[in-house]
Every structure is written in structure tokens, then in C-alpha cells.
């Protein structure tokens, strides 16, 4: 399953779900093997298999548990990405989601922000409260100013130079926001992204529990079809992002809600070109959402090109939304001097 998750970019829905819970599967297999070792301590194969599971798990997730970041000289830029769920609130918003979000952003003091699930009205309120400038675009070209979308923002010493909505794939009506932010002579491309969500699947799971419990083949087929379409769409969107970033000459940050865990093949491809800020500068699991209110999943990311060094990454404990934000301190390292002409 680990190998399939890394290699197959658009696996069947059942495989994609298993890959999403790969750490849990490793813990379950490891726990089962340990229990078997206790029951039959004279079997050498059991501790050998347990050792393989432990070593494989350490190789897969160990780096992010001991990441230290890198000290470097250059221009610092603090990046925050946050799915604000239309400012509908979270478990600790004190009854005012907007004030909660504003307070958190002021405390964390990011320079540039990628905001997801925000309407144009939400962004206008945040701009006014935080004295920042944003470019917003809805997920769909037909959506109005009160519908959800994405925003790329700059504040403090950084300014928003330009920005617009861009389609991931030419023939699909689903957008991300591409912007340029600038401080002095330093320019960074910021892509605020939100890959296809499992919104339909989640709703179907809530409304179709009876059919699932009874094994209704129509409900099961519908779930399978929709889930597979989401996985394929996410794969196409991530490939389009990589194609675009590869053409940029300026340093680039890709930040947002990827609706997939780091063991999916699309993240393996992204890490081939970009640096996962959490794996370089974070500590621990880095979960940003809780499935069923207890199982943490890391589905929000900050990726950066090699011109940006990761000094630190964290997940602030902000209960203003159903997602936690991701904060990354990056260093824009100066370009090496050009060799003088002979």
C-alpha cells in the first residue's frame, strides 16, 4: 500500500482512502505484530516483521518529527495558509469568527497569506481589519461575491504587486489564485490553491448511512465513482501546478488546502520539485484537521522552491475554523553573483 500510494497518481478510491490513513495502518500492523510476539515469543519471523514495520515507519515519517529548519542569510518572509471555512466559526471562536481570525493573524504576524474558503465579502472584512491587500477569486467562474473562493494577500513590509485567478486545467472550471508579492527588490510568486474537495463524498456519507449499512450497491457505486473522480482531479491539478512552477524564474510558494495527506503520490511529485516546509522545519505530525473530531490529518501545506530556505514551520492552535493554519518562516536567499564576462 505504501508503494502504491507513492507510485500511482490516480488510484482507485479505496486505495486512496487507505493511503490517507497509512500512519494508522502502520500503527495497527505494528500493534498486531507486537501482540503476536507476546503470544508466541519463540517465533523469529514475528519480531523480524515488526522491525521492518518500525524501520519503514521511521523512514517515512521520521524526518518531520525531528526537523530543525535551516539558518540562512537573506530576506525573511512569514507565510500563512488557512482554510477559514467562510468564517462560519470553529470550536474556540468565542462567538465571533471574524474577530478570532483577525486576532490570530495579528498574533502570528504573517507577511503573505493564502486564504481558502473565503468569499469576496469575507476578504473585504479581513482587509479592512488587518490593513492588508488581497486578490480574490471564486472557485468557479460563475460564483458571486458571497460564494467561497481563494485569496492571496500581503501585509506589513510586503506589497501585492499583481494577481489573478487561474484555471488549473483549461477545460475545467476550478480556479486557484496566482500573485506576485514584493519587498524592495525581492519578488515571490504566491499560488493560493485548494484542490478538489471531497464535499460530495462527505455529504453522501452523512445522508446515505442507511444505504451503506444495508450494503446498497447503488450508494456504494456512487461513492466509488465520485471519490475516484476527486482523486483523479487532484492528480491533474497538482501536475498542472508543477508544470506552471517549473516555468517560473522567481522564487515561488505554493500554499493551501490539498485535501490529501503527504503519502499520496501527488505530494511525492511535489516534493520532487518543491520543499515541504513542514517536513523541513516542523515538529510532530502537523495535523490541520480532525476526522471524526479525533483523528488528525495533515492536508494543508506550504511548499517552496529552492531559492527559499525553510527556517521554521508550525501549526498554531487557532480554533477559528475547522482547519488549523500552517505558518512557515522562509528566507529568501540572495542569488549567487554572476560570473564576470571573460
Protein backbone atom coordinates (compact mmCIF):
# COMPACT_ATOMS: atom_id res chain seq x y z
CA UNK A 1 0.00 0.00 0.00
CA UNK A 2 2.88 2.37 0.73
CA UNK A 3 4.39 1.69 -2.68
CA UNK A 4 1.08 2.06 -4.50
CA UNK A 5 0.43 5.34 -2.73
CA UNK A 6 3.80 6.70 -3.84
CA UNK A 7 3.63 5.49 -7.46
CA UNK A 8 0.00 5.55 -8.65
CA UNK A 9 -1.09 9.18 -9.13
CA UNK A 10 -4.81 8.42 -9.51
CA UNK A 11 -5.51 5.19 -7.61
CA UNK A 12 -8.99 3.75 -7.02
CA UNK A 13 -10.90 5.47 -4.23
CA UNK A 14 -10.47 2.59 -1.77
CA UNK A 15 -6.69 2.65 -2.23
CA UNK A 16 -6.59 6.44 -1.89
CA UNK A 17 -8.52 6.17 1.38
CA UNK A 18 -6.12 3.53 2.69
CA UNK A 19 -3.11 5.70 1.78
CA UNK A 20 -4.69 8.65 3.59
CA UNK A 21 -4.70 6.59 6.78
CA UNK A 22 -1.31 4.98 6.20
CA UNK A 23 0.15 6.01 9.61
CA UNK A 24 -2.85 4.41 11.31
CA UNK A 25 -2.36 1.24 9.27
CA UNK A 26 1.29 1.10 10.29
CA UNK A 27 0.34 1.52 13.95
CA UNK A 28 -2.33 -1.18 13.64
CA UNK A 29 0.03 -3.64 11.93
CA UNK A 30 2.81 -2.85 14.40
CA UNK A 31 0.46 -3.32 17.35
CA UNK A 32 -0.80 -6.61 15.95
CA UNK A 33 2.72 -7.91 15.38
CA UNK A 34 3.77 -6.89 18.91
CA UNK A 35 0.75 -8.71 20.36
CA UNK A 36 1.61 -11.78 18.29
CA UNK A 37 5.21 -11.62 19.55
CA UNK A 38 3.95 -11.62 23.14
CA UNK A 39 1.76 -14.64 22.46
CA UNK A 40 4.42 -16.61 20.52
CA UNK A 41 7.79 -15.20 21.66
CA UNK A 42 9.74 -18.12 20.14
CA UNK A 43 8.79 -17.27 16.53
CA UNK A 44 11.64 -15.31 14.94
CA UNK A 45 9.61 -14.18 11.94
CA UNK A 46 7.30 -12.02 14.08
CA UNK A 47 9.96 -9.69 15.59
CA UNK A 48 11.65 -9.55 12.18
CA UNK A 49 8.42 -8.30 10.57
CA UNK A 50 7.87 -5.88 13.45
CA UNK A 51 11.36 -4.46 12.92
CA UNK A 52 10.63 -3.94 9.22
CA UNK A 53 7.41 -2.08 10.05
CA UNK A 54 9.18 0.14 12.61
CA UNK A 55 12.06 0.94 10.26
CA UNK A 56 9.74 1.67 7.35
CA UNK A 57 7.60 3.95 9.53
CA UNK A 58 10.69 5.78 10.78
CA UNK A 59 11.91 6.30 7.21
CA UNK A 60 8.51 7.61 6.06
CA UNK A 61 7.63 9.96 8.91
CA UNK A 62 10.80 10.32 10.95
CA UNK A 63 12.17 13.43 9.16
CA UNK A 64 9.16 15.56 10.05
CA UNK A 65 9.41 14.56 13.71
CA UNK A 66 12.98 15.77 14.01
CA UNK A 67 13.04 18.64 11.52
CA UNK A 68 15.22 21.55 12.61
CA UNK A 69 14.97 24.07 9.80
CA UNK A 70 18.00 25.85 8.39
CA UNK A 71 19.58 29.15 9.39
CA UNK A 72 20.37 31.32 6.38
CA UNK A 73 21.12 34.90 5.44
CA UNK A 74 18.57 36.78 3.37
CA UNK A 75 15.15 38.42 3.41
CA UNK A 76 12.69 36.75 5.77
CA UNK A 77 9.09 36.15 4.76
CA UNK A 78 6.47 34.61 7.02
CA UNK A 79 3.82 32.65 5.09
CA UNK A 80 0.46 31.57 6.49
CA UNK A 81 -2.12 29.38 4.79
CA UNK A 82 -5.54 28.90 6.33
CA UNK A 83 -8.87 27.40 5.31
CA UNK A 84 -11.31 29.74 7.07
CA UNK A 85 -14.50 27.87 6.15
CA UNK A 86 -16.34 31.03 5.11
CA UNK A 87 -15.89 32.47 8.62
CA UNK A 88 -18.61 30.21 9.93
CA UNK A 89 -16.55 29.61 13.04
CA UNK A 90 -14.75 26.87 14.90
CA UNK A 91 -14.51 25.29 18.35
CA UNK A 92 -12.86 28.31 20.01
CA UNK A 93 -14.07 31.37 18.11
CA UNK A 94 -15.80 32.95 21.16
CA UNK A 95 -18.87 33.54 19.03
CA UNK A 96 -17.11 35.89 16.59
CA UNK A 97 -15.20 34.02 13.86
CA UNK A 98 -14.03 37.20 12.13
CA UNK A 99 -12.55 38.66 15.31
CA UNK A 100 -10.97 35.27 16.09
CA UNK A 101 -9.31 35.12 12.66
CA UNK A 102 -8.14 38.73 12.88
CA UNK A 103 -6.70 38.18 16.36
CA UNK A 104 -4.83 35.04 15.28
CA UNK A 105 -3.36 36.70 12.19
CA UNK A 106 -2.26 39.71 14.22
CA UNK A 107 -0.60 37.43 16.79
CA UNK A 108 1.20 35.28 14.21
CA UNK A 109 2.05 38.34 12.08
CA UNK A 110 2.47 36.73 8.64
CA UNK A 111 3.78 38.73 5.69
CA UNK A 112 1.89 36.87 2.98
CA UNK A 113 -1.24 34.75 3.28
CA UNK A 114 -3.06 32.13 1.25
CA UNK A 115 -6.67 32.03 2.42
CA UNK A 116 -9.11 29.30 1.36
CA UNK A 117 -12.88 29.02 1.54
CA UNK A 118 -13.37 32.77 1.74
CA UNK A 119 -15.82 34.91 -0.20
CA UNK A 120 -15.08 38.35 -1.59
CA UNK A 121 -17.09 39.78 1.31
CA UNK A 122 -15.02 37.79 3.82
CA UNK A 123 -11.80 39.05 2.26
CA UNK A 124 -13.00 42.67 2.27
CA UNK A 125 -13.70 42.44 6.01
CA UNK A 126 -10.28 40.92 6.68
CA UNK A 127 -8.52 43.51 4.51
CA UNK A 128 -10.12 46.35 6.45
CA UNK A 129 -9.39 44.85 9.87
CA UNK A 130 -5.79 43.89 9.09
CA UNK A 131 -4.73 46.71 6.74
CA UNK A 132 -3.67 44.24 4.09
CA UNK A 133 -4.27 43.94 0.37
CA UNK A 134 -5.59 40.79 -1.28
CA UNK A 135 -6.56 39.42 -4.67
CA UNK A 136 -9.59 37.12 -4.55
CA UNK A 137 -11.19 34.74 -7.00
CA UNK A 138 -14.09 32.30 -6.51
CA UNK A 139 -13.55 28.60 -7.09
CA UNK A 140 -15.99 28.73 -10.02
CA UNK A 141 -16.20 31.47 -12.64
CA UNK A 142 -20.00 31.58 -12.26
CA UNK A 143 -19.94 32.22 -8.49
CA UNK A 144 -20.92 35.53 -6.94
CA UNK A 145 -19.13 37.63 -4.28
CA UNK A 146 -20.75 35.74 -1.41
CA UNK A 147 -19.59 32.32 -2.57
CA UNK A 148 -16.39 30.64 -1.47
CA UNK A 149 -13.06 31.14 -3.14
CA UNK A 150 -9.37 31.84 -2.54
CA UNK A 151 -7.27 34.88 -1.76
CA UNK A 152 -3.58 35.76 -1.87
CA UNK A 153 -2.70 38.62 0.49
CA UNK A 154 0.27 40.73 1.52
CA UNK A 155 0.73 42.91 4.58
CA UNK A 156 3.37 44.66 6.63
CA UNK A 157 6.51 45.32 4.62
CA UNK A 158 5.32 43.17 1.71
CA UNK A 159 3.10 44.52 -1.04
CA UNK A 160 0.84 42.82 -3.55
CA UNK A 161 2.33 43.55 -6.95
CA UNK A 162 -0.22 41.71 -9.11
CA UNK A 163 -2.58 38.75 -9.02
CA UNK A 164 -5.44 36.95 -10.71
CA UNK A 165 -7.46 33.76 -10.77
CA UNK A 166 -6.12 30.94 -12.93
CA UNK A 167 -7.67 27.67 -14.01
CA UNK A 168 -5.77 24.56 -13.03
CA UNK A 169 -6.84 22.81 -16.22
CA UNK A 170 -8.07 24.74 -19.25
CA UNK A 171 -11.30 22.82 -19.74
CA UNK A 172 -12.29 22.62 -16.05
CA UNK A 173 -13.96 25.49 -14.19
CA UNK A 174 -11.93 25.33 -10.96
CA UNK A 175 -9.53 28.13 -10.02
CA UNK A 176 -6.54 28.96 -7.88
CA UNK A 177 -5.02 32.43 -7.32
CA UNK A 178 -1.58 33.37 -8.64
CA UNK A 179 0.01 36.54 -7.26
CA UNK A 180 3.32 38.35 -7.05
CA UNK A 181 4.35 39.86 -3.71
CA UNK A 182 7.29 42.18 -3.28
CA UNK A 183 9.53 43.72 -0.66
CA UNK A 184 12.20 46.02 -2.04
CA UNK A 185 13.88 44.11 -4.85
CA UNK A 186 12.67 40.74 -3.59
CA UNK A 187 9.78 39.24 -5.57
CA UNK A 188 7.99 35.99 -4.72
CA UNK A 189 5.28 34.16 -6.66
CA UNK A 190 2.46 33.05 -4.36
CA UNK A 191 -0.01 30.41 -5.53
CA UNK A 192 -3.02 30.00 -3.23
CA UNK A 193 -4.52 26.62 -4.06
CA UNK A 194 -7.38 24.38 -2.99
CA UNK A 195 -7.51 21.03 -4.75
CA UNK A 196 -10.85 19.37 -5.37
CA UNK A 197 -12.62 18.69 -2.05
CA UNK A 198 -14.49 15.56 -1.04
CA UNK A 199 -17.55 17.69 -0.32
CA UNK A 200 -19.96 15.47 -2.22
CA UNK A 201 -18.50 12.32 -0.71
CA UNK A 202 -18.76 13.73 2.81
CA UNK A 203 -22.39 14.71 2.26
CA UNK A 204 -23.17 11.30 0.77
CA UNK A 205 -21.63 9.60 3.77
CA UNK A 206 -23.83 11.66 6.09
CA UNK A 207 -27.08 11.21 4.13
CA UNK A 208 -26.53 7.71 2.85
CA UNK A 209 -25.54 5.91 6.06
CA UNK A 210 -28.63 3.75 5.86
CA UNK A 211 -27.79 2.62 2.35
CA UNK A 212 -24.18 1.92 3.32
CA UNK A 213 -25.23 -0.08 6.35
CA UNK A 214 -27.54 -2.16 4.18
CA UNK A 215 -24.91 -2.60 1.50
CA UNK A 216 -26.97 -0.77 -1.12
CA UNK A 217 -24.93 -1.28 -4.32
CA UNK A 218 -26.17 1.99 -5.84
CA UNK A 219 -24.88 4.05 -2.88
CA UNK A 220 -21.58 2.18 -2.88
CA UNK A 221 -21.09 2.61 -6.64
CA UNK A 222 -21.96 6.31 -6.40
CA UNK A 223 -19.42 6.84 -3.63
CA UNK A 224 -16.77 4.92 -5.53
CA UNK A 225 -17.37 6.87 -8.75
CA UNK A 226 -17.34 10.28 -7.08
CA UNK A 227 -14.30 9.52 -4.92
CA UNK A 228 -12.29 8.25 -7.88
CA UNK A 229 -13.17 11.39 -9.84
CA UNK A 230 -11.91 13.57 -6.97
CA UNK A 231 -8.63 11.65 -6.74
CA UNK A 232 -8.04 11.94 -10.49
CA UNK A 233 -8.92 15.64 -10.43
CA UNK A 234 -6.46 16.31 -7.61
CA UNK A 235 -3.75 14.48 -9.54
CA UNK A 236 -4.39 16.57 -12.67
CA UNK A 237 -4.41 19.80 -10.66
CA UNK A 238 -1.13 19.05 -8.87
CA UNK A 239 0.50 18.15 -12.20
CA UNK A 240 -0.70 21.47 -13.63
CA UNK A 241 0.81 23.30 -10.65
CA UNK A 242 4.17 21.62 -11.15
CA UNK A 243 4.11 22.48 -14.85
CA UNK A 244 3.48 26.13 -14.06
CA UNK A 245 6.03 26.40 -11.23
CA UNK A 246 8.73 24.82 -13.43
CA UNK A 247 8.39 27.81 -15.79
CA UNK A 248 8.91 30.43 -13.08
CA UNK A 249 12.28 32.08 -12.58
CA UNK A 250 11.34 33.93 -9.36
CA UNK A 251 11.09 32.13 -6.01
CA UNK A 252 7.68 30.55 -5.58
CA UNK A 253 5.45 29.48 -2.70
CA UNK A 254 2.54 27.09 -3.27
CA UNK A 255 0.27 27.08 -0.24
CA UNK A 256 -3.21 25.90 0.57
CA UNK A 257 -5.57 23.02 1.20
CA UNK A 258 -4.60 19.96 -0.86
CA UNK A 259 -7.35 17.69 0.54
CA UNK A 260 -4.83 14.83 0.61
CA UNK A 261 -2.24 13.51 3.04
CA UNK A 262 1.52 13.61 2.46
CA UNK A 263 1.73 9.94 1.46
CA UNK A 264 -0.33 10.43 -1.70
CA UNK A 265 1.60 10.24 -4.97
CA UNK A 266 0.81 13.85 -5.83
CA UNK A 267 2.81 15.00 -2.79
CA UNK A 268 5.69 12.76 -3.76
CA UNK A 269 5.73 14.55 -7.13
CA UNK A 270 5.50 17.97 -5.47
CA UNK A 271 8.40 17.14 -3.14
CA UNK A 272 10.45 16.25 -6.20
CA UNK A 273 10.48 19.93 -7.22
CA UNK A 274 9.48 21.81 -4.07
CA UNK A 275 10.31 21.75 -0.37
CA UNK A 276 7.57 20.77 2.06
CA UNK A 277 8.02 23.44 4.75
CA UNK A 278 6.62 21.23 7.50
CA UNK A 279 8.96 18.35 6.79
CA UNK A 280 11.94 20.72 6.74
CA UNK A 281 11.07 22.94 9.70
CA UNK A 282 8.15 21.48 11.64
CA UNK A 283 7.89 19.13 14.61
CA UNK A 284 5.43 16.31 15.07
CA UNK A 285 2.54 15.15 12.94
CA UNK A 286 1.35 18.59 11.82
CA UNK A 287 -2.34 17.71 11.60
CA UNK A 288 -4.57 20.55 10.41
CA UNK A 289 -7.98 18.84 10.53
CA UNK A 290 -9.50 16.18 12.75
CA UNK A 291 -11.51 13.45 11.10
CA UNK A 292 -14.45 12.40 13.28
CA UNK A 293 -13.18 15.01 15.79
CA UNK A 294 -10.25 12.87 16.94
CA UNK A 295 -8.05 11.62 14.09
CA UNK A 296 -5.56 14.31 12.95
CA UNK A 297 -4.79 14.58 9.24
CA UNK A 298 -2.26 16.89 7.56
CA UNK A 299 -3.94 18.20 4.42
CA UNK A 300 -2.80 21.88 4.44
CA UNK A 301 0.71 22.63 3.15
CA UNK A 302 3.28 25.28 2.39
CA UNK A 303 5.63 24.31 -0.46
CA UNK A 304 8.56 26.45 -1.60
CA UNK A 305 11.14 26.43 -4.37
CA UNK A 306 14.85 26.03 -3.64
CA UNK A 307 15.52 29.81 -3.56
CA UNK A 308 13.55 29.88 -0.30
CA UNK A 309 15.12 28.29 2.77
CA UNK A 310 12.80 26.94 5.46
CA UNK A 311 13.77 28.24 8.89
CA UNK A 312 10.72 27.07 10.84
CA UNK A 313 7.18 25.76 10.45
CA UNK A 314 4.34 25.36 12.92
CA UNK A 315 0.60 24.75 13.19
CA UNK A 316 -0.81 27.45 15.52
CA UNK A 317 -3.57 26.32 17.85
CA UNK A 318 -6.33 28.56 16.50
CA UNK A 319 -9.90 27.37 16.90
CA UNK A 320 -11.50 29.85 14.48
CA UNK A 321 -12.29 27.25 11.79
CA UNK A 322 -12.47 23.51 11.28
CA UNK A 323 -8.90 23.80 9.89
CA UNK A 324 -5.79 24.92 11.72
CA UNK A 325 -3.47 27.34 9.90
CA UNK A 326 0.05 26.45 8.77
CA UNK A 327 2.77 29.03 9.39
CA UNK A 328 6.22 28.89 7.75
CA UNK A 329 9.20 31.18 8.21
CA UNK A 330 11.12 31.29 4.93
CA UNK A 331 14.35 33.03 3.98
CA UNK A 332 14.72 34.46 0.50
CA UNK A 333 18.39 33.76 -0.08
CA UNK A 334 20.31 36.09 -2.40
CA UNK A 335 21.11 34.77 -5.85
CA UNK A 336 24.78 33.90 -6.42
CA UNK A 337 26.67 36.63 -8.26
CA UNK A 338 27.02 36.16 -11.97
CA UNK A 339 30.48 35.31 -13.22
CA UNK A 340 32.15 38.32 -14.86
CA UNK A 341 32.48 38.09 -18.65
CA UNK A 342 35.88 36.99 -19.94
